[in-house]
Protein backbone atom coordinates (compact mmCIF):
# COMPACT_ATOMS: atom_id res chain seq x y z
CA UNK A 1 23.18 30.63 47.71
CA UNK A 2 25.09 33.69 49.21
CA UNK A 3 25.51 36.96 47.12
CA UNK A 4 29.40 35.57 46.12
CA UNK A 5 27.84 32.45 44.42
CA UNK A 6 25.58 34.73 42.35
CA UNK A 7 27.89 37.24 41.20
CA UNK A 8 29.80 34.69 38.17
CA UNK A 9 25.94 34.15 36.84
CA UNK A 10 25.20 37.63 37.18
CA UNK A 11 28.34 38.77 35.02
CA UNK A 12 27.29 35.98 32.59
CA UNK A 13 23.55 36.89 31.94
CA UNK A 14 24.97 40.71 31.80
CA UNK A 15 27.43 39.63 29.35
CA UNK A 16 25.06 38.22 27.22
CA UNK A 17 22.45 41.07 27.36
CA UNK A 18 25.09 43.39 25.93
CA UNK A 19 25.88 40.98 23.20
CA UNK A 20 22.04 41.10 22.20
CA UNK A 21 21.73 45.37 22.95
CA UNK A 22 25.04 45.71 21.15
CA UNK A 23 22.90 44.68 17.38
CA UNK A 24 19.83 46.74 18.47
CA UNK A 25 21.77 49.97 19.53
CA UNK A 26 25.06 49.94 16.82
CA UNK A 27 24.46 50.84 13.34
CA UNK A 28 26.58 48.73 11.14
CA UNK A 29 28.77 50.35 9.02
CA UNK A 30 29.16 49.71 4.84
CA UNK A 31 29.54 51.38 1.96
CA UNK A 32 27.48 52.66 -1.54
CA UNK A 33 28.95 51.50 -4.77
CA UNK A 34 28.24 52.72 -8.30
CA UNK A 35 26.03 50.43 -10.07
CA UNK A 36 29.21 48.81 -12.01
CA UNK A 37 31.50 48.34 -9.23
CA UNK A 38 32.17 44.92 -7.82
CA UNK A 39 34.55 45.63 -4.99
CA UNK A 40 33.24 47.18 -1.90
CA UNK A 41 34.84 50.23 -0.48
CA UNK A 42 36.76 50.20 2.46
CA UNK A 43 34.53 50.52 5.94
CA UNK A 44 34.93 53.17 7.91
CA UNK A 45 33.49 52.85 11.38
CA UNK A 46 31.18 55.71 12.46
CA UNK A 47 31.00 57.24 15.88
CA UNK A 48 27.86 55.45 16.88
CA UNK A 49 29.61 51.87 16.67
CA UNK A 50 32.25 52.52 19.54
CA UNK A 51 29.76 54.96 21.54
CA UNK A 52 27.68 52.73 24.44
CA UNK A 53 25.24 54.11 27.22
CA UNK A 54 27.29 55.19 30.53
CA UNK A 55 26.83 52.17 32.87
CA UNK A 56 26.05 49.78 30.13
CA UNK A 57 28.43 46.39 30.84
CA UNK A 58 30.96 46.14 27.74
CA UNK A 59 29.90 44.41 24.70
CA UNK A 60 32.63 41.08 23.83
CA UNK A 61 35.03 42.45 22.21
CA UNK A 62 38.45 40.43 20.17
CA UNK A 63 39.78 39.77 23.72
CA UNK A 64 37.36 37.28 24.89
CA UNK A 65 38.73 34.41 22.21
CA UNK A 66 39.10 34.12 18.30
CA UNK A 67 36.24 34.40 16.14
CA UNK A 68 36.12 31.80 13.12
CA UNK A 69 37.37 33.11 9.91
CA UNK A 70 34.51 33.00 7.18
CA UNK A 71 35.44 30.92 4.37
CA UNK A 72 32.57 31.70 2.08
CA UNK A 73 32.91 35.56 0.93
CA UNK A 74 29.52 36.43 0.86
CA UNK A 75 30.98 39.59 -1.33
CA UNK A 76 31.62 37.28 -4.17
CA UNK A 77 28.46 35.20 -3.95
CA UNK A 78 25.39 35.50 -5.93
CA UNK A 79 22.77 32.56 -5.16
CA UNK A 80 20.17 34.32 -7.73
CA UNK A 81 23.03 34.29 -10.60
CA UNK A 82 21.15 30.93 -12.36
CA UNK A 83 21.91 32.20 -16.18
CA UNK A 84 25.85 32.22 -17.00
CA UNK A 85 26.94 35.07 -19.02
CA UNK A 86 23.13 36.41 -19.00
CA UNK A 87 21.66 39.33 -16.47
CA UNK A 88 18.90 37.37 -14.22
CA UNK A 89 15.94 39.92 -13.57
CA UNK A 90 15.98 41.41 -10.33
CA UNK A 91 19.12 39.60 -9.25
CA UNK A 92 21.04 42.64 -7.96
CA UNK A 93 24.13 40.75 -7.33
CA UNK A 94 24.36 39.68 -10.61
CA UNK A 95 27.53 40.75 -12.48
CA UNK A 96 26.35 40.16 -16.10
CA UNK A 97 23.81 42.88 -14.94
CA UNK A 98 24.46 46.50 -16.56
CA UNK A 99 23.09 49.78 -15.82
CA UNK A 100 20.16 49.50 -18.23
CA UNK A 101 18.98 46.41 -16.80
CA UNK A 102 19.03 47.68 -13.35
CA UNK A 103 17.14 50.59 -14.56
CA UNK A 104 13.79 48.13 -14.94
CA UNK A 105 14.18 46.04 -11.53
CA UNK A 106 11.25 46.44 -8.96
CA UNK A 107 13.50 44.97 -6.20
CA UNK A 108 16.27 42.82 -5.59
CA UNK A 109 15.08 39.58 -5.25
CA UNK A 110 18.01 38.17 -2.82
CA UNK A 111 18.07 41.19 -0.61
CA UNK A 112 20.60 39.91 1.70
CA UNK A 113 23.34 37.13 1.47
CA UNK A 114 25.03 35.45 4.69
CA UNK A 115 27.24 32.58 5.60
CA UNK A 116 26.46 30.49 8.42
CA UNK A 117 23.62 31.97 10.81
CA UNK A 118 24.62 29.29 13.60
CA UNK A 119 27.65 32.23 14.29
CA UNK A 120 27.22 34.80 16.74
CA UNK A 121 29.20 37.33 14.41
CA UNK A 122 29.16 37.06 10.58
CA UNK A 123 29.92 38.52 7.26
CA UNK A 124 26.68 39.63 5.43
CA UNK A 125 26.22 41.54 1.72
CA UNK A 126 23.14 43.63 1.69
CA UNK A 127 22.17 44.88 -1.62
CA UNK A 128 19.58 47.55 -2.58
CA UNK A 129 18.53 49.47 -5.39
CA UNK A 130 18.61 53.46 -5.43
CA UNK A 131 16.04 54.72 -7.75
CA UNK A 132 16.34 58.69 -6.99
CA UNK A 133 20.01 58.45 -8.37
CA UNK A 134 20.73 59.11 -12.73
CA UNK A 135 21.24 56.81 -13.57
CA UNK A 136 20.42 54.22 -10.60
CA UNK A 137 22.86 52.87 -8.60
CA UNK A 138 23.19 49.82 -6.62
CA UNK A 139 23.76 50.17 -2.74
CA UNK A 140 25.76 47.70 -1.71
CA UNK A 141 27.19 46.79 2.13
CA UNK A 142 29.45 44.14 3.47
CA UNK A 143 28.51 44.61 7.48
CA UNK A 144 29.25 42.49 10.56
CA UNK A 145 25.53 40.87 11.75
CA UNK A 146 25.36 39.78 15.10
CA UNK A 147 23.26 36.52 15.77
CA UNK A 148 20.82 37.68 18.84
CA UNK A 149 20.34 33.84 19.78
CA UNK A 150 22.11 33.08 23.23
CA UNK A 151 23.08 29.82 21.68
CA UNK A 152 25.31 30.37 18.53
CA UNK A 153 28.89 29.34 18.38
CA UNK A 154 31.53 31.74 19.31
CA UNK A 155 34.57 30.28 19.17
CA UNK A 156 35.47 27.57 16.99
CA UNK A 157 38.52 25.26 17.21
CA UNK A 158 37.89 22.94 14.20
CA UNK A 159 38.78 24.53 10.55
CA UNK A 160 37.73 21.82 8.75
CA UNK A 161 33.92 22.08 9.79
CA UNK A 162 33.78 25.15 8.19
CA UNK A 163 33.88 23.95 4.40
CA UNK A 164 33.43 20.53 2.51
CA UNK A 165 36.47 18.87 2.12
CA UNK A 166 37.54 16.96 -1.29
CA UNK A 167 37.89 13.25 -1.03
CA UNK A 168 41.21 12.02 -1.75
CA UNK A 169 40.86 10.14 -4.54
CA UNK A 170 43.59 6.85 -4.32
CA UNK A 171 46.43 6.52 -7.01
CA UNK A 172 49.70 5.04 -7.10
CA UNK A 173 51.34 7.58 -4.94
CA UNK A 174 48.78 7.79 -2.28
CA UNK A 175 47.48 3.94 -2.16
CA UNK A 176 49.52 2.44 0.70
CA UNK A 177 48.97 5.59 2.90
CA UNK A 178 44.96 5.25 2.32
CA UNK A 179 45.26 1.32 2.99
CA UNK A 180 47.06 2.09 6.55
CA UNK A 181 43.98 4.97 7.22
CA UNK A 182 41.30 3.62 6.21
CA UNK A 183 42.39 -0.19 7.12
CA UNK A 184 41.85 -1.78 3.71
CA UNK A 185 39.15 -2.08 0.95
CA UNK A 186 36.06 -3.71 0.69
CA UNK A 187 34.78 -3.54 -3.38
CA UNK A 188 32.81 -6.77 -3.24
CA UNK A 189 29.15 -7.47 -3.41
CA UNK A 190 29.16 -9.41 -0.03
CA UNK A 191 30.57 -6.58 1.98
CA UNK A 192 27.34 -4.48 0.73
CA UNK A 193 24.95 -7.06 1.85
CA UNK A 194 26.74 -7.25 5.09
CA UNK A 195 26.13 -3.96 6.00
CA UNK A 196 23.06 -3.36 4.79
CA UNK A 197 22.27 -6.48 7.09
CA UNK A 198 23.94 -4.51 10.39
CA UNK A 199 22.06 -1.71 9.90
CA UNK A 200 18.63 -3.10 9.28
CA UNK A 201 18.84 -6.36 10.97
CA UNK A 202 15.71 -8.19 10.08
CA UNK A 203 13.27 -10.10 12.22
CA UNK A 204 14.70 -13.66 13.49
CA UNK A 205 12.52 -14.48 15.34
CA UNK A 206 9.13 -14.97 12.91
CA UNK A 207 8.33 -14.56 9.23
CA UNK A 208 7.21 -11.85 8.23
CA UNK A 209 4.90 -11.07 5.22
CA UNK A 210 7.02 -10.82 2.22
CA UNK A 211 10.41 -12.41 3.77
CA UNK A 212 12.12 -14.89 2.24
CA UNK A 213 11.67 -18.41 2.89
CA UNK A 214 14.94 -20.05 3.92
CA UNK A 215 16.15 -23.20 3.79
CA UNK A 216 18.86 -25.04 5.10
CA UNK A 217 21.69 -23.89 2.38
CA UNK A 218 19.97 -21.05 1.04
CA UNK A 219 16.36 -20.13 -0.18
CA UNK A 220 13.37 -21.85 -1.35
CA UNK A 221 13.42 -21.32 -5.17
CA UNK A 222 10.31 -20.49 -7.30
CA UNK A 223 11.07 -20.34 -10.87
CA UNK A 224 9.39 -17.96 -12.53
CA UNK A 225 9.65 -16.28 -15.73
CA UNK A 226 10.79 -12.40 -15.33
CA UNK A 227 11.62 -10.39 -18.86
CA UNK A 228 10.91 -13.03 -20.88
CA UNK A 229 9.01 -16.54 -20.85
CA UNK A 230 11.91 -18.51 -19.83
CA UNK A 231 12.23 -19.60 -16.45
CA UNK A 232 14.66 -18.21 -13.72
CA UNK A 233 15.35 -20.09 -11.10
CA UNK A 234 17.30 -17.50 -8.87
CA UNK A 235 13.92 -15.64 -7.79
CA UNK A 236 12.84 -17.04 -3.97
CA UNK A 237 9.58 -17.53 -2.90
CA UNK A 238 8.29 -15.20 -0.41
CA UNK A 239 6.05 -15.59 3.24
CA UNK A 240 2.60 -15.51 2.36
CA UNK A 241 2.80 -14.60 -0.84
CA UNK A 242 0.85 -16.78 -3.49
CA UNK A 243 1.63 -17.27 -6.56
CA UNK A 244 1.17 -19.44 -9.86
CA UNK A 245 3.17 -18.93 -12.91
CA UNK A 246 3.93 -20.52 -15.78
CA UNK A 247 7.38 -20.66 -18.23
CA UNK A 248 9.06 -22.30 -20.54
CA UNK A 249 12.59 -24.42 -20.31
CA UNK A 250 14.74 -24.87 -23.29
CA UNK A 251 15.85 -29.00 -23.20
CA UNK A 252 17.91 -30.74 -25.21
CA UNK A 253 16.11 -34.55 -25.16
CA UNK A 254 20.12 -36.21 -24.94
CA UNK A 255 20.70 -34.31 -22.30
CA UNK A 256 16.99 -34.70 -19.68
CA UNK A 257 18.67 -37.17 -17.01
CA UNK A 258 21.26 -34.09 -16.37
CA UNK A 259 19.17 -31.45 -15.82
CA UNK A 260 18.25 -30.77 -12.10
CA UNK A 261 15.17 -28.48 -12.67
CA UNK A 262 13.52 -31.41 -14.31
CA UNK A 263 13.77 -34.24 -11.39
CA UNK A 264 11.51 -34.71 -8.91
CA UNK A 265 14.41 -34.54 -6.20
CA UNK A 266 15.29 -30.71 -6.79
CA UNK A 267 11.87 -29.71 -5.76
CA UNK A 268 11.61 -32.08 -2.70
CA UNK A 269 14.65 -32.49 -1.08
CA UNK A 270 15.13 -28.87 0.21
CA UNK A 271 13.90 -28.47 3.92
CA UNK A 272 12.51 -25.09 5.28
CA UNK A 273 13.93 -23.37 8.33
CA UNK A 274 10.93 -23.11 10.52
CA UNK A 275 11.82 -19.85 11.75
CA UNK A 276 14.68 -17.43 9.88
CA UNK A 277 18.48 -18.07 10.82
CA UNK A 278 16.93 -21.43 13.66
CA UNK A 279 18.12 -24.50 12.93
CA UNK A 280 15.01 -26.55 12.95
CA UNK A 281 13.64 -27.57 9.67
CA UNK A 282 10.43 -28.90 8.09
CA UNK A 283 11.10 -31.34 5.59
CA UNK A 284 9.06 -30.97 2.38
CA UNK A 285 6.53 -33.77 1.99
CA UNK A 286 5.54 -35.48 -1.17
CA UNK A 287 1.51 -35.43 -0.84
CA UNK A 288 0.59 -36.72 -4.24
CA UNK A 289 2.40 -38.00 -7.89
CA UNK A 290 0.48 -37.89 -10.61
CA UNK A 291 1.99 -38.68 -14.22
CA UNK A 292 0.61 -37.76 -17.58
CA UNK A 293 1.42 -40.17 -20.98
CA UNK A 294 2.27 -38.98 -24.60
CA UNK A 295 -1.52 -39.13 -25.11
CA UNK A 296 -2.68 -36.95 -22.40
CA UNK A 297 -4.10 -39.51 -19.63
CA UNK A 298 -3.16 -39.14 -15.90
CA UNK A 299 -2.58 -41.80 -13.57
CA UNK A 300 -1.94 -41.25 -9.93
CA UNK A 301 1.01 -43.04 -8.08
CA UNK A 302 1.13 -44.72 -4.56
CA UNK A 303 4.15 -44.76 -2.35
CA UNK A 304 6.54 -44.32 -5.59
CA UNK A 305 9.31 -42.85 -3.96
CA UNK A 306 11.60 -40.76 -5.67
CA UNK A 307 11.46 -41.04 -9.92
CA UNK A 308 14.34 -39.54 -11.65
CA UNK A 309 14.37 -38.28 -15.55
CA UNK A 310 15.19 -41.23 -17.59
CA UNK A 311 15.89 -41.40 -21.29
CA UNK A 312 14.01 -44.26 -23.21
CA UNK A 313 13.27 -45.79 -26.83
CA UNK A 314 9.95 -45.78 -28.07
CA UNK A 315 9.53 -47.15 -31.60
CA UNK A 316 11.94 -45.35 -33.65
CA UNK A 317 11.82 -42.23 -31.30
CA UNK A 318 13.34 -41.03 -27.99
CA UNK A 319 11.07 -40.11 -25.37
CA UNK A 320 11.96 -38.71 -21.77
CA UNK A 321 9.86 -39.82 -18.80
CA UNK A 322 9.71 -38.89 -15.31
CA UNK A 323 10.23 -35.10 -16.33
CA UNK A 324 8.45 -32.29 -14.11
CA UNK A 325 5.93 -30.71 -15.45
CA UNK A 326 3.88 -28.94 -12.71
CA UNK A 327 4.59 -28.21 -9.09
CA UNK A 328 2.19 -27.53 -6.38
CA UNK A 329 3.69 -26.31 -2.65
CA UNK A 330 1.62 -26.21 -0.04
CA UNK A 331 2.70 -24.54 3.54
CA UNK A 332 1.42 -24.73 6.78
CA UNK A 333 2.19 -21.70 8.79
CA UNK A 334 1.13 -20.53 12.60
CA UNK A 335 0.10 -17.17 13.34
CA UNK A 336 3.29 -16.49 15.32
CA UNK A 337 5.08 -16.99 11.70
CA UNK A 338 6.06 -19.98 11.91
CA UNK A 339 6.39 -22.78 8.97
CA UNK A 340 4.83 -25.90 10.28
CA UNK A 341 4.59 -28.24 7.09
CA UNK A 342 5.17 -28.30 3.51
CA UNK A 343 3.38 -30.55 1.01
CA UNK A 344 4.58 -30.88 -2.25
CA UNK A 345 2.64 -31.98 -5.77
CA UNK A 346 4.04 -32.88 -8.57
CA UNK A 347 2.65 -33.84 -11.76
CA UNK A 348 5.68 -35.61 -14.17
CA UNK A 349 5.16 -36.20 -18.19
CA UNK A 350 6.52 -37.94 -20.89
CA UNK A 351 8.50 -35.20 -23.06
CA UNK A 352 8.99 -36.13 -26.43
CA UNK A 353 11.17 -33.85 -28.89
CA UNK A 354 7.96 -32.67 -30.39
CA UNK A 355 6.61 -31.21 -27.40
CA UNK A 356 10.12 -28.93 -26.58
CA UNK A 357 10.50 -26.06 -25.95
CA UNK A 358 9.35 -27.39 -22.36
CA UNK A 359 6.28 -25.41 -20.38
CA UNK A 360 6.58 -25.89 -16.60
CA UNK A 361 4.16 -24.59 -14.22
CA UNK A 362 4.68 -23.63 -10.61
CA UNK A 363 2.41 -22.74 -7.46
CA UNK A 364 2.87 -22.19 -4.28
CA UNK A 365 -0.04 -21.65 -1.49
CA UNK A 366 -0.13 -20.82 2.20
CA UNK A 367 -2.73 -21.82 4.62
CA UNK A 368 -3.04 -20.91 8.58
CA UNK A 369 -2.57 -23.79 11.07
CA UNK A 370 -6.00 -25.29 12.45
CA UNK A 371 -8.32 -23.05 10.03
CA UNK A 372 -10.96 -24.09 7.28
CA UNK A 373 -11.20 -22.19 4.07
CA UNK A 374 -14.14 -20.41 3.95
CA UNK A 375 -16.49 -20.79 0.60
CA UNK A 376 -17.50 -17.75 -1.22
CA UNK A 377 -20.19 -17.39 -3.39
CA UNK A 378 -18.04 -15.27 -5.83
CA UNK A 379 -15.24 -13.33 -6.05
CA UNK A 380 -15.85 -10.76 -6.31
CA UNK A 381 -18.87 -10.69 -8.27
CA UNK A 382 -21.95 -13.82 -7.61
CA UNK A 383 -21.84 -16.38 -9.40
CA UNK A 384 -25.22 -17.76 -10.50
CA UNK A 385 -26.56 -21.14 -8.62
CA UNK A 386 -24.43 -19.99 -5.57
CA UNK A 387 -26.41 -19.21 -2.82
CA UNK A 388 -26.69 -15.15 -1.28
CA UNK A 389 -24.57 -14.20 1.51
CA UNK A 390 -26.84 -12.28 4.39
CA UNK A 391 -26.65 -11.84 7.80
CA UNK A 392 -28.54 -10.19 10.95
CA UNK A 393 -27.07 -6.71 12.93
CA UNK A 394 -27.95 -7.67 16.30
CA UNK A 395 -27.15 -3.83 17.57
CA UNK A 396 -26.53 -0.40 16.00
CA UNK A 397 -23.06 -0.04 15.00
CA UNK A 398 -21.72 -3.69 15.51
CA UNK A 399 -21.10 -6.25 12.73
CA UNK A 400 -22.85 -8.30 10.61
CA UNK A 401 -23.21 -11.70 12.37
CA UNK A 402 -23.25 -14.81 9.64
CA UNK A 403 -24.73 -18.38 9.97
CA UNK A 404 -21.56 -20.65 9.76
CA UNK A 405 -24.11 -22.79 7.29
CA UNK A 406 -23.73 -20.63 3.90
CA UNK A 407 -27.10 -22.25 2.61
CA UNK A 408 -28.93 -21.39 5.15
CA UNK A 409 -28.17 -17.39 5.71
CA UNK A 410 -30.98 -16.65 3.45
CA UNK A 411 -33.90 -18.98 3.10
CA UNK A 412 -37.74 -19.04 2.10
CA UNK A 413 -40.28 -21.78 2.31
CA UNK A 414 -40.04 -24.98 0.63
CA UNK A 415 -42.82 -27.03 -1.36
CA UNK A 416 -43.41 -30.48 -0.24
CA UNK A 417 -45.99 -32.69 -1.78
CA UNK A 418 -48.09 -32.62 1.10
CA UNK A 419 -48.60 -28.98 0.72
CA UNK A 420 -49.34 -28.47 4.78
CA UNK A 421 -47.95 -25.71 6.24
CA UNK A 422 -48.41 -27.00 9.74
CA UNK A 423 -45.89 -29.93 8.99
CA UNK A 424 -43.46 -27.74 6.26
CA UNK A 425 -42.28 -25.77 9.51
CA UNK A 426 -38.29 -25.25 9.62
CA UNK A 427 -38.35 -27.24 6.01
CA UNK A 428 -36.44 -24.52 3.95
CA UNK A 429 -34.21 -23.92 0.92
CA UNK A 430 -31.99 -21.52 -0.03
CA UNK A 431 -31.92 -18.15 -2.31
CA UNK A 432 -30.08 -18.85 -5.11
CA UNK A 433 -28.54 -16.18 -7.00
CA UNK A 434 -29.54 -15.61 -10.58
CA UNK A 435 -32.80 -18.67 -9.44
CA UNK A 436 -36.09 -17.25 -9.82
CA UNK A 437 -38.14 -19.40 -7.28
CA UNK A 438 -41.62 -19.63 -6.05
CA UNK A 439 -43.16 -22.28 -3.64
CA UNK A 440 -46.21 -22.45 -1.43
CA UNK A 441 -48.51 -24.54 1.02
CA UNK A 442 -52.14 -25.07 1.92
CA UNK A 443 -53.36 -23.51 5.49
CA UNK A 444 -57.06 -24.75 6.84
CA UNK A 445 -58.54 -22.69 8.98
CA UNK A 446 -61.18 -23.39 11.44
CA UNK A 447 -63.55 -21.97 13.95
CA UNK A 448 -61.20 -23.32 17.03
CA UNK A 449 -58.05 -21.15 15.32
CA UNK A 450 -57.84 -17.75 17.29
CA UNK A 451 -56.54 -15.35 14.47
CA UNK A 452 -53.78 -13.94 16.55
CA UNK A 453 -52.49 -17.27 16.83
CA UNK A 454 -52.44 -18.09 13.00
CA UNK A 455 -50.96 -14.70 12.10
CA UNK A 456 -48.06 -15.25 14.40
CA UNK A 457 -47.36 -19.04 12.79
CA UNK A 458 -47.77 -17.97 9.36
CA UNK A 459 -45.25 -14.96 9.53
CA UNK A 460 -42.83 -17.20 11.25
CA UNK A 461 -43.33 -19.84 8.75
CA UNK A 462 -42.95 -17.22 5.86
CA UNK A 463 -39.55 -15.76 7.40
CA UNK A 464 -38.13 -18.39 8.81
CA UNK A 465 -35.80 -18.30 11.93
CA UNK A 466 -33.38 -15.39 11.54
CA UNK A 467 -34.53 -13.44 8.18
CA UNK A 468 -31.39 -11.19 7.38
CA UNK A 469 -31.27 -7.87 7.94
CA UNK A 470 -28.83 -7.42 5.13
CA UNK A 471 -27.24 -9.13 2.16
CA UNK A 472 -23.83 -8.87 0.54
CA UNK A 473 -23.41 -6.94 -2.13
CA UNK A 474 -20.57 -9.12 -3.96
CA UNK A 475 -20.06 -12.87 -2.63
CA UNK A 476 -16.89 -12.47 -1.26
CA UNK A 477 -18.33 -9.26 0.91
CA UNK A 478 -16.28 -8.77 4.52
CA UNK A 479 -19.09 -8.69 7.64
CA UNK A 480 -16.90 -6.11 8.96
CA UNK A 481 -17.54 -3.97 6.05
CA UNK A 482 -21.16 -3.02 7.55
CA UNK A 483 -21.51 0.01 5.21
CA UNK A 484 -20.98 -2.04 2.29
CA UNK A 485 -23.99 -4.42 2.82
CA UNK A 486 -27.41 -3.97 1.15
CA UNK A 487 -29.96 -3.41 3.68
CA UNK A 488 -33.58 -5.90 2.82
CA UNK A 489 -36.08 -3.48 2.89
CA UNK A 490 -39.11 -5.34 4.52
CA UNK A 491 -42.31 -4.01 3.91
CA UNK A 492 -45.62 -4.95 5.12
CA UNK A 493 -48.99 -4.70 3.10
CA UNK A 494 -52.71 -5.34 4.73
CA UNK A 495 -56.01 -4.54 3.62
CA UNK A 496 -57.70 -3.36 6.71
CA UNK A 497 -61.59 -4.41 6.82
CA UNK A 498 -64.20 -4.74 9.53
CA UNK A 499 -64.34 -8.03 11.79
CA UNK A 500 -62.19 -9.73 9.55
CA UNK A 501 -58.70 -11.31 9.97
CA UNK A 502 -55.53 -9.91 8.37
CA UNK A 503 -53.74 -12.81 7.82
CA UNK A 504 -50.44 -13.02 5.65
CA UNK A 505 -50.53 -14.91 2.62
CA UNK A 506 -47.39 -14.24 0.74
CA UNK A 507 -43.63 -13.32 0.76
CA UNK A 508 -42.32 -11.62 -2.69
CA UNK A 509 -38.90 -10.93 -2.23
CA UNK A 510 -37.13 -8.94 -4.92
CA UNK A 511 -33.43 -8.89 -5.64
CA UNK A 512 -31.93 -5.83 -8.13
CA UNK A 513 -28.67 -6.36 -9.28
CA UNK A 514 -26.33 -5.16 -12.04
CA UNK A 515 -23.56 -5.69 -13.73
CA UNK A 516 -20.02 -4.27 -12.46
CA UNK A 517 -16.72 -3.59 -13.78
CA UNK A 518 -15.25 -4.19 -17.25
CA UNK A 519 -17.33 -5.20 -19.98
CA UNK A 520 -15.24 -7.86 -20.71
CA UNK A 521 -15.84 -9.54 -17.26
CA UNK A 522 -18.33 -7.82 -15.33
CA UNK A 523 -19.34 -8.83 -11.89
CA UNK A 524 -22.22 -9.15 -10.53
CA UNK A 525 -23.60 -7.05 -7.90
CA UNK A 526 -26.57 -7.01 -5.81
CA UNK A 527 -27.79 -3.12 -5.27
CA UNK A 528 -31.48 -3.56 -3.91
CA UNK A 529 -33.22 -5.88 -1.60
CA UNK A 530 -37.37 -5.59 -0.98
CA UNK A 531 -39.31 -8.52 0.70
CA UNK A 532 -42.75 -7.44 0.51
CA UNK A 533 -45.68 -9.75 3.42
CA UNK A 534 -48.61 -9.25 1.69
CA UNK A 535 -52.03 -9.70 3.56
CA UNK A 536 -55.37 -10.71 3.19
CA UNK A 537 -58.99 -10.16 5.00
CA UNK A 538 -60.68 -12.97 6.14
CA UNK A 539 -63.72 -12.76 7.72
CA UNK A 540 -64.62 -15.39 10.58
CA UNK A 541 -65.64 -18.49 9.80
CA UNK A 542 -68.78 -19.93 10.85
CA UNK A 543 -69.11 -22.76 13.64
CA UNK A 544 -67.76 -25.95 12.20
CA UNK A 545 -66.96 -24.83 8.79
CA UNK A 546 -63.38 -24.79 7.49
CA UNK A 547 -61.47 -22.78 4.61
CA UNK A 548 -58.36 -23.35 3.27
CA UNK A 549 -55.53 -20.44 2.41
CA UNK A 550 -52.87 -20.85 -0.10
CA UNK A 551 -49.60 -19.29 1.60
CA UNK A 552 -46.69 -19.03 -0.89
CA UNK A 553 -43.56 -17.04 -1.09
CA UNK A 554 -41.62 -15.85 -4.43
CA UNK A 555 -37.98 -14.77 -5.33
CA UNK A 556 -37.11 -12.64 -8.61
CA UNK A 557 -33.86 -11.47 -9.76
CA UNK A 558 -34.16 -8.43 -11.46
CA UNK A 559 -31.45 -6.84 -13.85
CA UNK A 560 -31.17 -3.25 -13.57
CA UNK A 561 -27.76 -2.92 -15.58
CA UNK A 562 -27.81 0.17 -17.31
CA UNK A 563 -26.77 -0.01 -21.49
CA UNK A 564 -23.04 -0.06 -21.82
CA UNK A 565 -21.41 3.36 -23.41
CA UNK A 566 -18.32 3.36 -25.31
CA UNK A 567 -15.93 5.53 -23.13
CA UNK A 568 -13.31 7.39 -24.64
CA UNK A 569 -10.11 9.36 -23.21
CA UNK A 570 -10.88 13.30 -22.44
CA UNK A 571 -8.53 15.21 -24.94
CA UNK A 572 -5.95 16.33 -22.97
CA UNK A 573 -5.27 19.88 -21.81
CA UNK A 574 -2.33 22.48 -22.88
CA UNK A 575 -1.46 24.37 -20.19
CA UNK A 576 1.15 26.40 -21.61
CA UNK A 577 2.82 29.24 -19.81
CA UNK A 578 5.00 32.03 -21.30
CA UNK A 579 8.20 32.91 -19.48
CA UNK A 580 7.40 36.03 -16.87
CA UNK A 581 10.07 38.17 -19.24
CA UNK A 582 8.88 37.17 -22.70
CA UNK A 583 7.96 40.35 -23.36
CA UNK A 584 10.97 41.99 -21.55
CA UNK A 585 11.99 44.95 -22.20
CA UNK A 586 9.00 46.00 -23.70
CA UNK A 587 6.53 45.41 -20.89
């Protein structure tokens, strides 16, 4: 690039530098006014405002283009004037303040008031206090403030952008003009819904959590009580939101045949869309129909078809049969968010006038395809009689590994009528919560049996295959939450004797649990598990003699719950603060 190509770029940079240096080297003129003056005095530019160093480039003047006219008069703007007809403390621009008020001011809370800071040049009102004068005077200046940034607005050609325009309210005179300007009006609710859908379009490829289940004509309705116990039929069912509600209907027995909400077809006829806005439909299949008579007897119907409510005579009274009392939806979905199957279970009953108003129950459950529900030992606390949830941790930092057989996760030795320990290997019984257990067997020792081999055999017999490292604190604890699980403390107790065989004879398991949660519905929580392996010393047997040893296991559950104490809500703390000018003008 030659020297001629650099000249315009150098001129632009020098021009910007001159604009910045003009702010640093120029003293802007202002005025000093009395305390009660409201209008600024005429500004008289001093010599410094026109002087510039020799050889420096000329700052851009008015000839470079029109500058925007300020819309807001900064001299009349007071952003700290918050109290009408009352002086605000340290607000130097408040017109309600007098000379006596300024005498107690410590400083000006808002020293500078400016307009839009994006302009290269703008008016600024500067306030200060002169405490040397008597009476004190307020120094007020209106100056031209230069923006040092090179990215500023120097010329404006769109005047409406400098202020907010008041919207034109339609009336009988300008209605036709506004109709042509804005191309009509839309004042219905459907337009709002369409605009919302356009701004945030839903995912139409799959159902997401909480998405409304769509049918061929609308949404799958799930009646539920809202503001009262009465059923509201406009409530839609949501994806993966399990619900079970009961509500009341006001029914006239003579009109039971005409009410759709009492008919079985009203709940079995909708067809659910496989995914939102698709053409593939999933019909609702009736899985079971159970009828209830007036004396509360239940009968399961097979291949009954669609039954409609019917008003029949029962002696002197009239009753309505085949009335829907309970509705249970069971929907199967895939991990891709698609509905693959919909099943319906119904309870139809006979209703008399004495049973009105009618109570109905509705339930909807979602089950993922190709999965089986995992049974729990409690939700959340353990239930007495259910097995303890336990597992192994293969290595440090990994999750808990559990066997699929929940009755085989934590087991002990099982007693039999033979009581032969060598024949009991592999026969175990689960540890059930709340059940203290004790079992055992007999082991015959001979000279031909080496001590190390018998020790390992008895240990394997007592601990079983895969003795757990952790026990779940609650019946529904997740295996990935390792930090919440309770470790099993395994303690070995031996007695050292010379020329003896240290043979394990007992495994004592102690499970400590506590009541957790509310006093009205406490939940059982395991807090500690200890397994003590007790050993005994047996002298070496003489040739040809035998010794019989009793091997036993015991499980004990200990309630370590602290006594419940009545709790009271703490008294509210009074945090009252006086206004900062409460003692004015005394302090």
